Protein backbone atom coordinates (compact mmCIF):
# COMPACT_ATOMS: atom_id res chain seq x y z
CA MET A 1 -0.40 -32.52 34.92
CA THR A 2 1.04 -36.15 34.42
CA SER A 3 0.35 -39.09 36.74
CA SER A 4 0.58 -42.75 37.04
CA ILE A 5 -2.78 -44.36 37.96
CA PRO A 6 -1.87 -46.88 41.07
CA ASN A 7 -2.06 -50.39 41.12
CA GLU A 8 -3.88 -52.32 43.88
CA HIS A 9 -0.57 -52.90 45.78
CA GLU A 10 1.11 -49.69 45.85
CA ASN A 11 -1.92 -47.42 46.34
CA ARG A 12 0.16 -44.09 45.56
CA VAL A 13 0.79 -42.00 42.54
CA ASN A 14 3.25 -39.46 41.36
CA ILE A 15 2.28 -36.04 40.55
CA GLN A 16 4.74 -33.40 38.88
CA GLY A 17 7.83 -35.54 40.90
CA VAL A 18 5.77 -35.76 44.18
CA GLU A 19 4.53 -38.91 45.67
CA ILE A 20 0.80 -39.21 47.02
CA ALA A 21 -0.26 -41.86 49.02
CA LEU A 22 -3.97 -42.81 48.08
CA GLY A 23 -6.91 -43.71 50.11
CA PHE A 24 -8.86 -47.08 49.93
CA PRO A 25 -12.42 -47.14 48.72
CA ASP A 26 -15.08 -47.56 51.34
CA GLU A 27 -17.18 -50.73 51.04
CA PHE A 28 -20.58 -51.51 52.66
CA LYS A 29 -23.77 -53.35 52.16
CA PHE A 30 -25.70 -50.58 51.38
CA GLU A 31 -28.59 -50.98 49.03
CA TRP A 32 -31.22 -48.18 48.56
CA ILE A 33 -34.78 -49.28 48.92
CA GLY A 34 -37.36 -47.07 48.34
CA GLN A 35 -37.78 -43.90 45.77
CA ARG A 36 -36.69 -45.01 42.52
CA ASP A 37 -36.96 -41.45 41.39
CA VAL A 38 -34.28 -39.76 43.29
CA LEU A 39 -32.00 -42.45 42.15
CA GLU A 40 -32.97 -41.42 38.71
CA GLN A 41 -32.60 -38.03 39.25
CA LEU A 42 -28.94 -38.46 41.27
CA LEU A 43 -27.85 -40.82 38.03
CA ALA A 44 -28.73 -37.98 35.60
CA ALA A 45 -27.07 -35.23 37.36
CA TRP A 46 -23.65 -37.59 37.04
CA LEU A 47 -24.33 -38.18 33.25
CA VAL A 48 -22.56 -36.59 30.39
CA ILE A 49 -24.19 -36.36 27.34
CA ASP A 50 -21.64 -34.73 25.11
CA ARG A 51 -17.86 -34.29 24.71
CA ASP A 52 -18.06 -30.92 25.89
CA ASP A 53 -20.34 -31.51 28.67
CA ILE A 54 -19.44 -32.26 32.54
CA PRO A 55 -21.15 -33.92 35.25
CA LEU A 56 -23.09 -31.63 37.62
CA ASN A 57 -22.28 -31.94 41.81
CA PRO A 58 -25.67 -32.92 42.99
CA ARG A 59 -26.80 -31.84 46.65
CA LEU A 60 -28.99 -34.56 48.75
CA ILE A 61 -30.86 -32.47 51.00
CA GLY A 62 -33.15 -34.24 53.88
CA LYS A 63 -33.40 -34.95 57.78
CA PRO A 64 -30.92 -36.81 59.13
CA GLY A 65 -31.14 -40.71 58.72
CA VAL A 66 -33.39 -40.35 55.69
CA GLY A 67 -30.76 -42.39 53.81
CA LYS A 68 -28.56 -39.50 51.63
CA THR A 69 -25.29 -41.43 52.09
CA THR A 70 -27.04 -44.91 51.32
CA LEU A 71 -28.42 -43.07 48.01
CA ALA A 72 -25.28 -41.73 47.01
CA TYR A 73 -23.39 -45.06 47.40
CA ALA A 74 -26.15 -47.15 45.59
CA ALA A 75 -25.73 -44.41 42.81
CA ALA A 76 -22.06 -44.87 42.61
CA LYS A 77 -22.12 -48.54 42.88
CA LYS A 78 -24.95 -48.89 39.78
CA LEU A 79 -22.38 -47.06 37.83
CA ASN A 80 -19.63 -50.13 38.89
CA ARG A 81 -17.65 -46.93 40.57
CA ASP A 82 -15.47 -47.24 43.64
CA VAL A 83 -16.75 -45.07 46.68
CA TYR A 84 -14.71 -42.86 49.00
CA ILE A 85 -16.78 -40.94 52.02
CA PHE A 86 -15.59 -38.06 53.44
CA GLN A 87 -17.32 -37.05 56.71
CA CYS A 88 -17.29 -33.21 57.34
CA THR A 89 -17.07 -31.46 60.49
CA MET A 90 -17.00 -28.06 61.83
CA ASP A 91 -13.18 -28.68 62.22
CA THR A 92 -12.54 -29.73 58.60
CA ARG A 93 -9.62 -27.89 57.32
CA PRO A 94 -8.67 -27.25 53.55
CA GLU A 95 -5.85 -29.57 53.79
CA ASP A 96 -7.94 -32.29 55.30
CA LEU A 97 -10.05 -31.99 52.57
CA LEU A 98 -7.14 -32.21 49.90
CA ILE A 99 -3.81 -33.62 50.64
CA THR A 100 -2.08 -33.83 54.40
CA PRO A 101 1.79 -33.66 54.92
CA VAL A 102 2.56 -36.23 57.72
CA ILE A 103 5.99 -37.24 59.13
CA ASN A 104 7.18 -40.36 57.95
CA GLN A 105 9.42 -43.02 60.12
CA SER A 106 12.82 -41.62 58.70
CA GLY A 107 11.36 -37.95 59.66
CA GLY A 108 10.51 -36.87 56.18
CA ILE A 109 7.43 -35.61 54.92
CA ARG A 110 4.91 -38.05 53.39
CA TYR A 111 1.70 -36.69 51.57
CA VAL A 112 -1.42 -38.49 51.99
CA ALA A 113 -4.62 -37.62 49.64
CA SER A 114 -7.91 -37.16 51.22
CA ALA A 115 -10.71 -39.47 50.10
CA LEU A 116 -11.94 -36.61 47.85
CA VAL A 117 -8.67 -36.40 45.95
CA THR A 118 -8.17 -40.01 45.70
CA ALA A 119 -11.68 -40.22 44.25
CA MET A 120 -10.46 -37.28 41.89
CA ILE A 121 -7.26 -39.30 40.94
CA THR A 122 -8.75 -42.55 40.38
CA GLY A 123 -11.96 -42.04 38.69
CA GLY A 124 -13.93 -42.84 41.92
CA VAL A 125 -17.05 -41.58 43.29
CA CYS A 126 -16.82 -38.76 46.61
CA ILE A 127 -19.37 -38.51 48.96
CA LEU A 128 -18.82 -35.19 51.14
CA ASP A 129 -21.31 -36.21 53.85
CA GLU A 130 -22.67 -33.46 56.09
CA ALA A 131 -20.91 -30.98 54.00
CA ASN A 132 -23.15 -28.07 55.78
CA ARG A 133 -20.98 -28.62 58.69
CA MET A 134 -17.90 -27.25 57.16
CA SER A 135 -16.46 -23.90 57.22
CA GLU A 136 -16.30 -21.17 54.39
CA LYS A 137 -12.43 -21.54 54.13
CA SER A 138 -13.02 -25.18 53.62
CA TRP A 139 -15.43 -24.51 51.16
CA ALA A 140 -13.17 -22.07 49.31
CA SER A 141 -10.56 -24.73 48.77
CA LEU A 142 -13.33 -26.72 46.40
CA ALA A 143 -14.65 -23.96 44.30
CA PRO A 144 -12.37 -24.70 41.27
CA LEU A 145 -13.19 -28.55 41.66
CA LEU A 146 -17.03 -27.63 41.54
CA ASP A 147 -17.11 -25.77 38.28
CA THR A 148 -15.63 -26.35 34.38
CA ARG A 149 -12.19 -26.08 35.66
CA ARG A 150 -12.35 -29.17 37.90
CA TYR A 151 -8.97 -29.10 39.81
CA ILE A 152 -7.96 -28.09 43.00
CA ASP A 153 -4.94 -26.58 44.43
CA SER A 154 -3.12 -27.96 47.41
CA ILE A 155 -0.74 -25.54 48.92
CA VAL A 156 0.91 -27.88 51.12
CA ALA A 157 2.14 -30.40 48.47
CA GLY A 158 2.37 -27.26 46.13
CA LEU A 159 0.27 -29.11 43.36
CA LYS A 160 -2.51 -28.46 40.84
CA VAL A 161 -4.48 -31.89 40.45
CA SER A 162 -7.06 -32.18 37.94
CA ALA A 163 -9.88 -34.73 38.36
CA HIS A 164 -10.15 -37.65 36.10
CA SER A 165 -12.77 -37.59 33.48
CA GLU A 166 -15.00 -40.59 35.49
CA PHE A 167 -14.56 -38.27 38.80
CA ARG A 168 -18.05 -37.73 40.23
CA ILE A 169 -19.15 -35.94 43.24
CA CYS A 170 -21.92 -35.53 45.62
CA VAL A 171 -22.50 -33.83 48.79
CA THR A 172 -25.24 -34.64 51.41
CA MET A 173 -26.72 -31.75 53.99
CA ASN A 174 -28.72 -32.23 56.89
CA ASP A 175 -31.87 -30.29 57.24
CA ASP A 176 -31.20 -29.38 60.78
CA ALA A 177 -30.10 -26.64 62.98
CA SER A 178 -26.62 -27.85 63.64
CA THR A 179 -25.24 -26.69 60.47
CA PHE A 180 -23.43 -23.75 58.96
CA GLU A 181 -25.09 -21.58 55.72
CA ILE A 182 -22.82 -22.26 52.74
CA PRO A 183 -21.41 -19.71 50.90
CA GLU A 184 -23.56 -17.93 48.15
CA TYR A 185 -21.13 -18.86 45.41
CA ILE A 186 -20.74 -22.59 46.15
CA HIS A 187 -24.65 -22.74 46.06
CA SER A 188 -24.24 -22.39 42.33
CA ARG A 189 -22.08 -25.04 42.14
CA LEU A 190 -23.78 -27.53 43.72
CA GLN A 191 -26.91 -28.23 41.87
CA PRO A 192 -29.28 -30.12 41.12
CA GLN A 193 -30.98 -30.28 44.45
CA ILE A 194 -32.44 -33.38 45.32
CA TYR A 195 -34.67 -33.70 48.50
CA LEU A 196 -35.61 -36.79 50.31
CA ASP A 197 -38.42 -37.09 52.47
CA PHE A 198 -39.76 -39.98 54.46
CA PRO A 199 -40.33 -43.17 53.23
CA GLU A 200 -43.61 -44.45 52.75
CA ALA A 201 -45.04 -47.70 55.34
CA GLU A 202 -44.28 -50.01 52.93
CA GLU A 203 -40.90 -48.76 52.11
CA GLU A 204 -40.06 -48.43 55.78
CA ARG A 205 -40.94 -52.12 56.06
CA ARG A 206 -38.61 -53.22 53.53
CA ILE A 207 -35.65 -50.83 54.91
CA LEU A 208 -36.42 -52.44 58.33
CA ARG A 209 -36.43 -56.21 56.98
CA GLU A 210 -33.52 -55.50 54.90
CA ASN A 211 -31.42 -54.22 58.10
CA LEU A 212 -33.24 -56.48 60.71
CA PRO A 213 -33.61 -59.58 59.00
CA PHE A 214 -33.50 -61.47 62.36
CA VAL A 215 -36.49 -59.29 64.11
CA ASP A 216 -39.88 -60.50 64.94
CA SER A 217 -42.82 -59.28 62.66
CA TYR A 218 -44.35 -57.64 65.43
CA ILE A 219 -41.95 -55.71 66.42
CA MET A 220 -41.53 -54.44 62.51
CA ASP A 221 -45.32 -53.46 62.66
CA TYR A 222 -45.05 -51.81 65.87
CA VAL A 223 -41.97 -49.54 64.78
CA ILE A 224 -43.24 -48.62 61.52
CA ASN A 225 -46.91 -47.68 63.01
CA PHE A 226 -44.89 -45.40 65.42
CA LEU A 227 -43.09 -43.73 62.64
CA GLN A 228 -45.82 -43.29 60.37
CA ARG A 229 -47.73 -41.51 63.16
CA ALA A 230 -44.66 -39.20 63.97
CA HIS A 231 -44.07 -38.42 60.34
CA ALA A 232 -47.61 -37.19 60.12
CA HIS A 233 -46.94 -34.85 62.94
CA ASN A 234 -43.85 -33.39 61.29
CA GLU A 235 -41.55 -34.94 63.84
CA ASN A 236 -37.91 -35.74 62.88
CA TYR A 237 -37.84 -39.48 63.81
CA THR A 238 -36.25 -40.97 60.86
CA ILE A 239 -35.96 -44.86 59.70
CA ARG A 240 -32.60 -44.84 61.48
CA ASP A 241 -34.40 -44.44 64.63
CA GLY A 242 -36.75 -46.96 64.01
CA ILE A 243 -33.92 -49.37 63.33
CA ASN A 244 -32.10 -48.77 66.61
CA ILE A 245 -35.46 -48.95 68.76
CA ALA A 246 -36.53 -52.20 66.88
CA ARG A 247 -32.58 -53.78 67.40
CA TYR A 248 -32.69 -52.42 70.93
CA ALA A 249 -36.56 -54.06 71.65
CA ALA A 250 -35.21 -57.33 70.05
CA LYS A 251 -32.26 -57.45 72.35
CA ARG A 252 -34.08 -56.74 75.56
CA ILE A 253 -36.67 -59.70 74.51
CA LYS A 254 -33.78 -62.32 73.68
CA SER A 255 -31.83 -61.00 77.14
CA LEU A 256 -35.10 -61.80 79.06
CA ASN A 257 -35.86 -64.86 77.51
CA GLY A 258 -39.68 -64.49 77.97
CA ASN A 259 -39.55 -63.44 81.67
CA GLY A 260 -39.43 -59.99 81.79
CA GLY A 261 -43.02 -58.66 80.72
CA ASN A 262 -44.84 -58.15 77.55
CA VAL A 263 -43.50 -57.20 74.32
CA GLU A 264 -45.32 -54.19 74.16
CA ASN A 265 -44.20 -52.61 77.13
CA LEU A 266 -40.41 -53.57 76.05
CA LEU A 267 -41.32 -51.79 73.07
CA ARG A 268 -42.22 -48.61 74.84
CA GLN A 269 -39.05 -48.63 77.19
CA ALA A 270 -37.01 -48.84 73.67
CA ILE A 271 -38.67 -45.88 72.03
CA ILE A 272 -38.10 -43.94 75.51
CA MET A 273 -34.56 -44.91 75.70
CA THR A 274 -33.87 -43.91 72.17
CA LEU A 275 -35.89 -41.07 71.59
CA GLY A 276 -36.92 -39.81 75.02
CA ASP A 277 -40.43 -39.88 76.97
CA GLU A 278 -41.81 -37.02 74.62
CA ALA A 279 -41.67 -39.70 71.54
CA LEU A 280 -44.60 -42.06 73.42
CA MET A 281 -47.17 -39.32 72.15
CA HIS A 282 -46.93 -41.22 69.09
CA VAL A 283 -47.81 -44.63 70.15
CA ILE A 284 -51.33 -45.56 70.74
């Protein structure tokens, strides 16, 4: 395979005589705050230690909202790589994952690379987010990429695309009931499995402060205490829920200008409106 790496102005590449339009990297202000060991585990999985070695394809597993995508993004940025995030759904098709044909203005066919294939070509990092929402047919299209072959076959474009040596990939998987079992032959290609648990109280405080620097300390403490009690009872409430509770409570308090009752009542209301009445059992 011969290809030319695109410059920032054209954002397209020619592969075997076929022009492919590439995507753009995702840019966020994500910062990993908390469990240092899982960041080191992920970076080790991507490490290449010999000319005959290849990177692994780690699987990040945990409850929704514990920071799996943030962790993967932060690890990629630590390596100074561009990041391309592909959001997987139950409707994701193989061509969505790889190369999609679209009609251009002149009526001809134009081929557009997915976030995954763009990362493969440019040597970036791809995060397949919530990957266990995909069907087996979509997983099958990734089998040769996730082993020593490191390529994909695009049937619609008639191309075999090999991954750049700097290409890295990881998948995030939510540990909940709304997902599919992944095929057994894919399991062995997605290793190691890195588990993310709920953060400790001080880590949650730092995450809340990073995301909501404008929120009062009383609100922060209230939300952290609520989350820690919920974690102790194995509830699925996460730091993302805590951020939403604190953000909404702060908005309510601000909108009422101190004329709408006490702050604790507004916080209880924010918990109910975010998580439902049953969440109040974890409020003292």
